[in-house]
Amino acid sequence: MRWNRRFSVTAPRLRTAFRFRATSGLAATVLFVLYFTLPVWEWFFTKALEPFGEEVLAVPAALCLVWLPAAAVFMTKNRPLPADFFLIVLYLVVYLCATYCLHPGYAYYYAREEYGLLDYVFLPDNGIYAYFFIRLVNDPARILRGLRVSGWIVYLYSALRLYVATVKGFWLEEGSRGQEYRSSYNMNYGYTLLLFVCFFLFCAFEKGSLFDLLMAGVGCFMILCGGSRGPLLDIAIFVILYLWLRFRRSRHKLLFLTGLCGVGGAAAALREKAAALLLSLLENLGLHSRTLEMIQNGTVAHNNGRNVFWAASAQMIKDNPLGYGAMGARHVLCGIHIVGHPHNLPIELIIEYGVVLGPLILLLMLTASLRIFLRRRDNGWQGIFLIFFANACQLLTSYTYWHSPALWSALAVGVCYFRAERKLQ
């Protein structure tokens, strides 16, 4: 444990303070794990309550599992709450209220049952609360330990889901109008694993751990079998950024670059043959991979209908370049897909904030990220930011920042980084 301040206290008081900080930090880490494994607990309670016909209580039970211990920690340990989280929530509420005053027609989209503000934004299992739990821990070593425990839990849960889908022969997916249909893959499945694959890769690269590399490989294997292409793209972004950071610090840049180009060139040249070989192996095991089939067929870069979202979004921006306000894409894009977001963070921000503020927000986020990546002195948070930044790259092709934990997690780690940086100055 690091001590950045001097305490003029007696030895017994010092031991008491140490026990308090250790216990309080451990409790925050446990809460972090519970939050980042919420899909597992929601599934567990669904199965447990299914025989009684009370599956509707699964989500409230999972939330109690996280938030009742959290309340107990705050009441008994007197642990300070991250005030910046409440400022973010206050901003979102003011932003939504101001938008509603200007666009009262949005009321339906704010109040609808499944994708409205309560279920999709403010219910305590949604994305903004990732910011709260990361800022609550506020310790890079504990974040890494929390990710390791969460990764094991999510891996076991994901392996079970993949087994069940393989036995059934299909995944149940939601169509553009909310209807269920059978599919050969599940889009959410791969994104559930993405954060932890990046974590295991980071540990493997940093420590030279073969076990962590194996765990990352297992995660990639499960994504290939049951997920979409998007998570693999984000994993590639993680690897590229990590190698770039290592290249900047390397004393043998020419050798490093030569080896990297050689490996990259071989992978590009052999990708279709490798995909065919892996696909054959999976078929022998009774498994399937849509992604490998697309690589083999040369269709892996196809946008699969996203051009429809993006064309409609471009027209919205053209019609009103000043922006549509909070969740402003919903009233148009719900006609294309029931959720009603553009599946792209930059486009979503420009639709909401307009062609001036939207790009400015994006520029600020990019500048802050580059400041973290370019800083040679590491305060312990840089690698963790890389993990969560790569995870947030999922918002380039899927999801919305209003619901997904990805952007809020990266934002929280960025705040932790800059706060730690100020303490070192």
Protein backbone atom coordinates (compact mmCIF):
# COMPACT_ATOMS: atom_id res chain seq x y z
CA MET A 1 0.00 0.00 0.00
CA ARG A 2 1.30 3.45 -0.89
CA TRP A 3 1.39 6.25 1.58
CA ASN A 4 1.66 9.68 -0.03
CA ARG A 5 1.22 11.67 3.16
CA ARG A 6 2.92 11.78 6.54
CA PHE A 7 0.80 11.10 9.58
CA SER A 8 1.72 12.38 13.03
CA VAL A 9 -0.22 9.71 14.92
CA THR A 10 0.63 7.14 17.53
CA ALA A 11 1.42 3.57 16.52
CA PRO A 12 -1.98 2.13 17.57
CA ARG A 13 -3.80 4.84 15.62
CA LEU A 14 -1.57 4.18 12.61
CA ARG A 15 -2.40 0.46 12.72
CA THR A 16 -6.11 1.30 13.01
CA ALA A 17 -5.88 3.65 10.01
CA PHE A 18 -4.07 0.98 7.99
CA ARG A 19 -6.71 -1.66 8.81
CA PHE A 20 -9.47 0.78 7.90
CA ARG A 21 -7.92 1.68 4.56
CA ALA A 22 -7.18 -1.96 3.70
CA THR A 23 -10.70 -3.11 4.62
CA SER A 24 -12.32 -0.19 2.85
CA GLY A 25 -10.21 -0.72 -0.29
CA LEU A 26 -11.01 -4.44 -0.33
CA ALA A 27 -14.74 -3.72 -0.02
CA ALA A 28 -14.56 -1.29 -2.95
CA THR A 29 -12.77 -3.94 -5.03
CA VAL A 30 -15.44 -6.52 -4.21
CA LEU A 31 -18.13 -4.06 -5.27
CA PHE A 32 -16.18 -3.42 -8.50
CA VAL A 33 -16.21 -7.19 -9.19
CA LEU A 34 -19.91 -7.50 -8.43
CA TYR A 35 -20.76 -4.65 -10.81
CA PHE A 36 -18.61 -5.90 -13.70
CA THR A 37 -20.10 -9.40 -13.36
CA LEU A 38 -23.73 -8.21 -13.11
CA PRO A 39 -24.82 -10.13 -16.26
CA VAL A 40 -23.71 -13.33 -14.50
CA TRP A 41 -25.76 -12.61 -11.39
CA GLU A 42 -28.80 -11.57 -13.40
CA TRP A 43 -28.58 -14.89 -15.27
CA PHE A 44 -28.07 -16.80 -11.99
CA PHE A 45 -31.12 -15.27 -10.33
CA THR A 46 -33.18 -15.79 -13.50
CA LYS A 47 -32.41 -19.52 -13.42
CA ALA A 48 -32.92 -19.74 -9.65
CA LEU A 49 -36.33 -18.02 -9.79
CA GLU A 50 -37.50 -19.72 -13.01
CA PRO A 51 -39.08 -22.75 -11.27
CA PHE A 52 -41.23 -20.36 -9.22
CA GLY A 53 -42.25 -18.25 -12.21
CA GLU A 54 -40.67 -15.15 -10.67
CA GLU A 55 -37.98 -14.36 -13.26
CA VAL A 56 -39.09 -10.72 -13.17
CA LEU A 57 -37.34 -10.45 -9.79
CA ALA A 58 -33.95 -11.50 -11.20
CA VAL A 59 -32.71 -7.99 -12.02
CA PRO A 60 -33.83 -6.48 -8.66
CA ALA A 61 -32.13 -9.38 -6.84
CA ALA A 62 -28.88 -8.85 -8.77
CA LEU A 63 -29.00 -5.12 -8.05
CA CYS A 64 -29.49 -5.81 -4.34
CA LEU A 65 -26.43 -8.07 -4.46
CA VAL A 66 -24.36 -5.06 -5.56
CA TRP A 67 -25.98 -2.05 -3.98
CA LEU A 68 -26.92 -3.32 -0.50
CA PRO A 69 -23.26 -4.17 0.28
CA ALA A 70 -22.31 -0.81 -1.24
CA ALA A 71 -24.69 0.98 1.12
CA ALA A 72 -23.28 -1.04 4.03
CA VAL A 73 -19.72 -0.03 3.12
CA PHE A 74 -20.62 3.65 2.98
CA MET A 75 -22.50 3.51 6.28
CA THR A 76 -20.03 1.43 8.31
CA LYS A 77 -16.66 2.31 6.76
CA ASN A 78 -17.32 5.99 6.12
CA ARG A 79 -15.71 5.64 2.70
CA PRO A 80 -15.92 8.90 0.71
CA LEU A 81 -18.13 8.85 -2.37
CA PRO A 82 -16.72 10.01 -5.74
CA ALA A 83 -18.38 13.43 -5.97
CA ASP A 84 -17.54 13.75 -9.69
CA PHE A 85 -19.92 10.85 -10.42
CA PHE A 86 -22.84 12.81 -9.00
CA LEU A 87 -21.82 15.85 -11.03
CA ILE A 88 -21.99 13.69 -14.17
CA VAL A 89 -25.45 12.41 -13.23
CA LEU A 90 -26.58 15.98 -12.51
CA TYR A 91 -25.28 17.10 -15.92
CA LEU A 92 -27.14 14.28 -17.68
CA VAL A 93 -30.38 15.15 -15.86
CA VAL A 94 -30.05 18.85 -16.74
CA TYR A 95 -29.15 17.97 -20.35
CA LEU A 96 -32.19 15.71 -20.66
CA CYS A 97 -34.53 18.26 -19.07
CA ALA A 98 -33.27 21.05 -21.34
CA THR A 99 -33.71 18.82 -24.39
CA TYR A 100 -37.23 17.88 -23.31
CA CYS A 101 -38.16 21.55 -22.96
CA LEU A 102 -36.99 22.15 -26.54
CA HIS A 103 -38.32 18.86 -27.94
CA PRO A 104 -41.37 17.69 -25.94
CA GLY A 105 -42.00 15.14 -28.68
CA TYR A 106 -39.11 13.09 -27.28
CA ALA A 107 -41.28 12.16 -24.27
CA TYR A 108 -42.20 8.78 -25.77
CA TYR A 109 -38.55 7.83 -26.31
CA TYR A 110 -37.57 8.92 -22.80
CA ALA A 111 -40.46 7.10 -21.12
CA ARG A 112 -40.71 3.86 -23.12
CA GLU A 113 -40.35 0.74 -21.05
CA GLU A 114 -37.33 -1.16 -22.39
CA TYR A 115 -35.11 1.48 -24.01
CA GLY A 116 -36.20 4.59 -22.12
CA LEU A 117 -34.32 6.59 -19.51
CA LEU A 118 -35.18 4.39 -16.54
CA ASP A 119 -34.39 0.92 -17.92
CA TYR A 120 -31.66 1.92 -20.38
CA VAL A 121 -29.81 4.75 -18.62
CA PHE A 122 -30.50 5.31 -14.92
CA LEU A 123 -31.36 1.85 -13.55
CA PRO A 124 -28.33 0.91 -11.40
CA ASP A 125 -27.11 -1.84 -13.73
CA ASN A 126 -26.42 0.53 -16.62
CA GLY A 127 -23.21 1.95 -18.02
CA ILE A 128 -22.82 5.23 -16.11
CA TYR A 129 -22.36 3.30 -12.85
CA ALA A 130 -19.11 1.82 -14.16
CA TYR A 131 -17.69 5.30 -13.60
CA PHE A 132 -18.84 5.18 -9.97
CA PHE A 133 -17.21 1.84 -9.12
CA ILE A 134 -13.90 2.59 -10.85
CA ARG A 135 -13.62 5.94 -9.10
CA LEU A 136 -14.61 4.26 -5.84
CA VAL A 137 -11.67 1.84 -6.09
CA ASN A 138 -9.27 4.53 -7.37
CA ASP A 139 -6.25 2.21 -7.15
CA PRO A 140 -4.59 0.69 -10.26
CA ALA A 141 -3.39 -2.46 -8.49
CA ARG A 142 -6.86 -3.15 -7.10
CA ILE A 143 -8.46 -2.48 -10.49
CA LEU A 144 -6.20 -5.15 -12.02
CA ARG A 145 -7.06 -7.61 -9.26
CA GLY A 146 -10.75 -6.84 -9.72
CA LEU A 147 -10.49 -7.43 -13.47
CA ARG A 148 -8.79 -10.77 -12.90
CA VAL A 149 -11.52 -12.05 -10.57
CA SER A 150 -14.26 -10.62 -12.82
CA GLY A 151 -12.59 -12.19 -15.86
CA TRP A 152 -12.65 -15.66 -14.34
CA ILE A 153 -16.33 -15.34 -13.44
CA VAL A 154 -17.35 -13.96 -16.86
CA TYR A 155 -15.25 -16.60 -18.68
CA LEU A 156 -17.02 -19.44 -16.84
CA TYR A 157 -20.40 -17.85 -17.54
CA SER A 158 -19.54 -17.30 -21.21
CA ALA A 159 -18.29 -20.87 -21.62
CA LEU A 160 -21.60 -22.13 -20.25
CA ARG A 161 -23.56 -19.87 -22.62
CA LEU A 162 -21.50 -21.08 -25.59
CA TYR A 163 -22.06 -24.71 -24.59
CA VAL A 164 -25.84 -24.21 -24.32
CA ALA A 165 -26.00 -22.41 -27.69
CA THR A 166 -23.90 -25.16 -29.32
CA VAL A 167 -26.20 -27.87 -27.96
CA LYS A 168 -29.29 -25.97 -29.13
CA GLY A 169 -27.68 -25.11 -32.47
CA PHE A 170 -28.61 -21.41 -32.35
CA TRP A 171 -28.61 -18.16 -30.38
CA LEU A 172 -31.76 -16.15 -29.71
CA GLU A 173 -31.28 -12.61 -31.07
CA GLU A 174 -33.45 -9.48 -31.20
CA GLY A 175 -34.52 -8.17 -34.59
CA SER A 176 -34.92 -4.58 -35.73
CA ARG A 177 -38.49 -4.40 -34.38
CA GLY A 178 -37.75 -6.23 -31.13
CA GLN A 179 -38.80 -9.65 -32.36
CA GLU A 180 -36.79 -12.77 -31.45
CA TYR A 181 -35.10 -14.86 -34.12
CA ARG A 182 -32.54 -17.65 -34.26
CA SER A 183 -29.00 -16.77 -35.26
CA SER A 184 -25.65 -18.49 -35.65
CA TYR A 185 -23.98 -15.91 -33.37
CA ASN A 186 -24.78 -13.37 -30.64
CA MET A 187 -23.56 -9.77 -30.93
CA ASN A 188 -23.55 -9.08 -27.18
CA TYR A 189 -21.66 -12.27 -26.40
CA GLY A 190 -18.30 -11.14 -27.73
CA TYR A 191 -18.55 -7.69 -26.16
CA THR A 192 -19.15 -9.30 -22.76
CA LEU A 193 -15.72 -10.94 -23.11
CA LEU A 194 -13.88 -8.04 -24.77
CA LEU A 195 -12.75 -6.16 -21.64
CA PHE A 196 -11.30 -9.29 -20.05
CA VAL A 197 -9.52 -10.50 -23.18
CA CYS A 198 -7.78 -7.10 -23.31
CA PHE A 199 -6.92 -7.45 -19.62
CA PHE A 200 -5.38 -10.92 -20.03
CA LEU A 201 -3.47 -9.75 -23.10
CA PHE A 202 -2.09 -6.80 -21.16
CA CYS A 203 -0.92 -9.04 -18.31
CA ALA A 204 0.60 -11.50 -20.78
CA PHE A 205 2.54 -8.77 -22.58
CA GLU A 206 3.64 -6.97 -19.41
CA LYS A 207 4.66 -10.02 -17.37
CA GLY A 208 5.48 -12.48 -20.13
CA SER A 209 2.85 -14.76 -18.60
CA LEU A 210 2.02 -17.77 -20.76
CA PHE A 211 -1.00 -18.50 -18.58
CA ASP A 212 -2.49 -15.04 -19.20
CA LEU A 213 -1.73 -15.43 -22.91
CA LEU A 214 -3.60 -18.75 -22.84
CA MET A 215 -6.54 -17.08 -21.09
CA ALA A 216 -6.61 -14.35 -23.76
CA GLY A 217 -6.55 -17.07 -26.42
CA VAL A 218 -9.47 -18.86 -24.76
CA GLY A 219 -11.42 -15.60 -24.78
CA CYS A 220 -10.67 -15.02 -28.46
CA PHE A 221 -11.71 -18.59 -29.20
CA MET A 222 -15.07 -18.08 -27.48
CA ILE A 223 -15.61 -14.80 -29.37
CA LEU A 224 -14.82 -16.52 -32.67
CA CYS A 225 -17.31 -19.29 -31.92
CA GLY A 226 -20.19 -17.25 -30.53
CA GLY A 227 -19.59 -13.56 -31.14
CA SER A 228 -19.45 -11.00 -33.91
CA ARG A 229 -16.47 -9.37 -35.67
CA GLY A 230 -16.53 -6.15 -33.66
CA PRO A 231 -14.78 -7.39 -30.49
CA LEU A 232 -11.94 -8.86 -32.57
CA LEU A 233 -11.43 -5.46 -34.22
CA ASP A 234 -11.23 -3.85 -30.77
CA ILE A 235 -8.73 -6.49 -29.62
CA ALA A 236 -6.64 -5.68 -32.70
CA ILE A 237 -6.80 -1.98 -31.74
CA PHE A 238 -5.56 -2.90 -28.25
CA VAL A 239 -2.62 -4.91 -29.65
CA ILE A 240 -1.67 -2.14 -32.11
CA LEU A 241 -1.74 0.56 -29.43
CA TYR A 242 0.21 -1.60 -26.99
CA LEU A 243 2.87 -2.35 -29.60
CA TRP A 244 3.05 1.35 -30.46
CA LEU A 245 3.67 2.21 -26.81
CA ARG A 246 6.33 -0.47 -26.56
CA PHE A 247 7.92 0.76 -29.79
CA ARG A 248 8.18 4.31 -28.40
CA ARG A 249 10.02 3.00 -25.34
CA SER A 250 12.18 0.48 -27.18
CA ARG A 251 15.93 1.05 -27.49
CA HIS A 252 16.04 -1.11 -30.60
CA LYS A 253 13.37 0.55 -32.69
CA LEU A 254 14.59 -0.70 -36.07
CA LEU A 255 14.71 -4.33 -34.93
CA PHE A 256 11.33 -3.98 -33.23
CA LEU A 257 9.76 -2.43 -36.34
CA THR A 258 11.28 -5.05 -38.67
CA GLY A 259 9.90 -7.90 -36.57
CA LEU A 260 6.51 -6.25 -36.30
CA CYS A 261 6.27 -5.69 -40.06
CA GLY A 262 7.30 -9.29 -40.69
CA VAL A 263 4.67 -10.72 -38.36
CA GLY A 264 1.99 -8.33 -39.66
CA GLY A 265 2.78 -9.09 -43.29
CA ALA A 266 2.69 -12.86 -42.70
CA ALA A 267 -0.63 -12.58 -40.87
CA ALA A 268 -2.16 -10.53 -43.70
CA ALA A 269 -0.89 -12.91 -46.39
CA LEU A 270 -2.03 -16.07 -44.61
CA ARG A 271 -5.30 -14.82 -43.10
CA GLU A 272 -7.62 -16.65 -45.51
CA LYS A 273 -5.72 -19.95 -45.29
CA ALA A 274 -5.50 -19.64 -41.51
CA ALA A 275 -9.23 -18.90 -41.34
CA ALA A 276 -10.00 -21.97 -43.46
CA LEU A 277 -7.82 -24.17 -41.25
CA LEU A 278 -9.36 -22.88 -38.03
CA LEU A 279 -12.85 -23.22 -39.48
CA SER A 280 -12.14 -26.83 -40.38
CA LEU A 281 -10.89 -27.54 -36.87
CA LEU A 282 -13.97 -25.95 -35.33
CA GLU A 283 -16.30 -27.94 -37.57
CA ASN A 284 -14.57 -31.13 -36.46
CA LEU A 285 -15.40 -30.09 -32.88
CA GLY A 286 -19.01 -29.41 -33.81
CA LEU A 287 -18.53 -25.64 -33.55
CA HIS A 288 -19.13 -22.75 -35.93
CA SER A 289 -17.61 -19.32 -36.58
CA ARG A 290 -19.38 -16.69 -38.64
CA THR A 291 -16.32 -14.42 -38.44
CA LEU A 292 -13.96 -17.05 -39.87
CA GLU A 293 -16.42 -17.74 -42.68
CA MET A 294 -16.48 -14.03 -43.53
CA ILE A 295 -12.67 -13.86 -43.52
CA GLN A 296 -12.52 -16.90 -45.79
CA ASN A 297 -15.13 -15.43 -48.14
CA GLY A 298 -13.57 -11.96 -48.17
CA THR A 299 -16.70 -10.32 -46.69
CA VAL A 300 -15.32 -9.49 -43.24
CA ALA A 301 -15.30 -5.74 -44.01
CA HIS A 302 -19.00 -5.61 -44.99
CA ASN A 303 -21.00 -3.25 -42.76
CA ASN A 304 -24.10 -5.50 -42.52
CA GLY A 305 -26.68 -2.73 -42.68
CA ARG A 306 -24.85 -0.08 -40.69
CA ASN A 307 -24.71 2.07 -43.83
CA VAL A 308 -28.49 2.48 -43.43
CA PHE A 309 -28.04 3.91 -39.91
CA TRP A 310 -25.18 6.12 -41.02
CA ALA A 311 -26.94 7.43 -44.13
CA ALA A 312 -30.00 8.37 -42.06
CA SER A 313 -27.71 9.95 -39.45
CA ALA A 314 -25.90 11.97 -42.11
CA GLN A 315 -29.23 13.26 -43.36
CA MET A 316 -30.21 14.26 -39.81
CA ILE A 317 -26.98 16.23 -39.41
CA LYS A 318 -27.54 17.91 -42.78
CA ASP A 319 -31.12 18.83 -41.85
CA ASN A 320 -30.15 20.30 -38.47
CA PRO A 321 -26.40 20.93 -38.03
CA LEU A 322 -26.99 22.58 -34.62
CA GLY A 323 -27.93 19.25 -33.05
CA TYR A 324 -30.98 17.47 -31.66
CA GLY A 325 -30.13 17.26 -27.96
CA ALA A 326 -30.02 14.31 -25.56
CA MET A 327 -30.81 10.99 -27.26
CA GLY A 328 -31.81 13.07 -30.27
CA ALA A 329 -31.25 10.31 -32.81
CA ARG A 330 -34.05 8.13 -31.41
CA HIS A 331 -37.04 9.84 -33.00
CA VAL A 332 -35.66 9.13 -36.49
CA LEU A 333 -33.56 5.98 -36.15
CA CYS A 334 -36.24 4.08 -34.22
CA GLY A 335 -37.91 3.74 -37.60
CA ILE A 336 -34.92 1.65 -38.72
CA HIS A 337 -34.14 -0.22 -35.48
CA ILE A 338 -36.10 -0.32 -32.24
CA VAL A 339 -33.20 0.90 -30.08
CA GLY A 340 -32.68 3.97 -32.27
CA HIS A 341 -29.02 4.91 -31.97
CA PRO A 342 -26.51 5.23 -34.87
CA HIS A 343 -24.06 2.52 -33.72
CA ASN A 344 -21.19 5.01 -33.85
CA LEU A 345 -20.06 7.32 -31.04
CA PRO A 346 -18.73 10.23 -33.18
CA ILE A 347 -21.92 10.31 -35.24
CA GLU A 348 -24.07 10.10 -32.10
CA LEU A 349 -22.28 13.03 -30.47
CA ILE A 350 -22.54 15.16 -33.61
CA ILE A 351 -26.27 14.40 -33.91
CA GLU A 352 -26.82 15.40 -30.28
CA TYR A 353 -24.44 18.35 -29.89
CA GLY A 354 -24.22 19.61 -33.47
CA VAL A 355 -21.37 20.11 -35.91
CA VAL A 356 -19.52 22.54 -33.62
CA LEU A 357 -19.79 21.11 -30.10
CA GLY A 358 -19.83 17.45 -31.21
CA PRO A 359 -16.42 17.50 -32.94
CA LEU A 360 -15.05 19.66 -30.09
CA ILE A 361 -16.06 17.01 -27.52
CA LEU A 362 -14.47 14.31 -29.66
CA LEU A 363 -11.29 16.39 -30.00
CA LEU A 364 -11.10 16.86 -26.22
CA MET A 365 -11.49 13.12 -25.64
CA LEU A 366 -8.87 12.31 -28.26
CA THR A 367 -6.45 14.92 -26.91
CA ALA A 368 -6.81 13.64 -23.34
CA SER A 369 -6.27 10.05 -24.52
CA LEU A 370 -3.14 11.02 -26.45
CA ARG A 371 -1.79 12.88 -23.41
CA ILE A 372 -2.10 9.67 -21.41
CA PHE A 373 -0.53 7.50 -24.12
CA LEU A 374 2.30 9.90 -24.91
CA ARG A 375 3.37 10.48 -21.31
CA ARG A 376 6.54 8.49 -20.71
CA ARG A 377 6.23 8.61 -16.94
CA ASP A 378 3.71 6.00 -15.81
CA ASN A 379 1.77 6.57 -12.59
CA GLY A 380 0.24 3.09 -12.72
CA TRP A 381 -2.87 4.02 -14.68
CA GLN A 382 -1.61 4.13 -18.28
CA GLY A 383 -1.93 0.39 -18.95
CA ILE A 384 -5.35 0.26 -17.31
CA PHE A 385 -6.49 3.18 -19.46
CA LEU A 386 -5.31 1.28 -22.54
CA ILE A 387 -7.43 -1.73 -21.53
CA PHE A 388 -10.56 0.35 -21.07
CA PHE A 389 -9.84 2.57 -24.09
CA ALA A 390 -9.70 -0.49 -26.36
CA ASN A 391 -12.92 -1.73 -24.78
CA ALA A 392 -14.53 1.67 -25.48
CA CYS A 393 -13.63 1.32 -29.17
CA GLN A 394 -16.68 -0.96 -29.42
CA LEU A 395 -18.68 2.29 -29.63
CA LEU A 396 -17.24 2.89 -33.10
CA THR A 397 -19.42 0.11 -34.51
CA SER A 398 -22.01 -0.82 -31.85
CA TYR A 399 -23.99 0.33 -28.83
CA THR A 400 -24.61 3.81 -27.42
CA TYR A 401 -22.72 5.73 -24.76
CA TRP A 402 -25.99 6.27 -22.86
CA HIS A 403 -26.21 2.58 -22.00
CA SER A 404 -22.82 0.91 -22.45
CA PRO A 405 -20.24 0.95 -19.60
CA ALA A 406 -17.38 1.25 -22.10
CA LEU A 407 -17.04 5.03 -22.44
CA TRP A 408 -17.85 5.73 -18.78
CA SER A 409 -15.19 3.23 -17.69
CA ALA A 410 -12.52 4.84 -19.88
CA LEU A 411 -13.57 8.29 -18.66
CA ALA A 412 -13.28 7.19 -15.01
CA VAL A 413 -9.81 5.73 -15.55
CA GLY A 414 -8.77 8.91 -17.34
CA VAL A 415 -9.90 10.99 -14.36
CA CYS A 416 -7.96 8.67 -12.02
CA TYR A 417 -4.89 9.09 -14.23
CA PHE A 418 -4.91 12.88 -14.22
CA ARG A 419 -5.65 13.06 -10.49
CA ALA A 420 -2.69 10.76 -9.80
CA GLU A 421 -0.55 12.83 -12.17
CA ARG A 422 -1.31 16.01 -10.22
CA LYS A 423 -0.22 14.33 -6.98
CA LEU A 424 3.15 13.45 -8.52
CA GLN A 425 3.86 17.04 -9.58
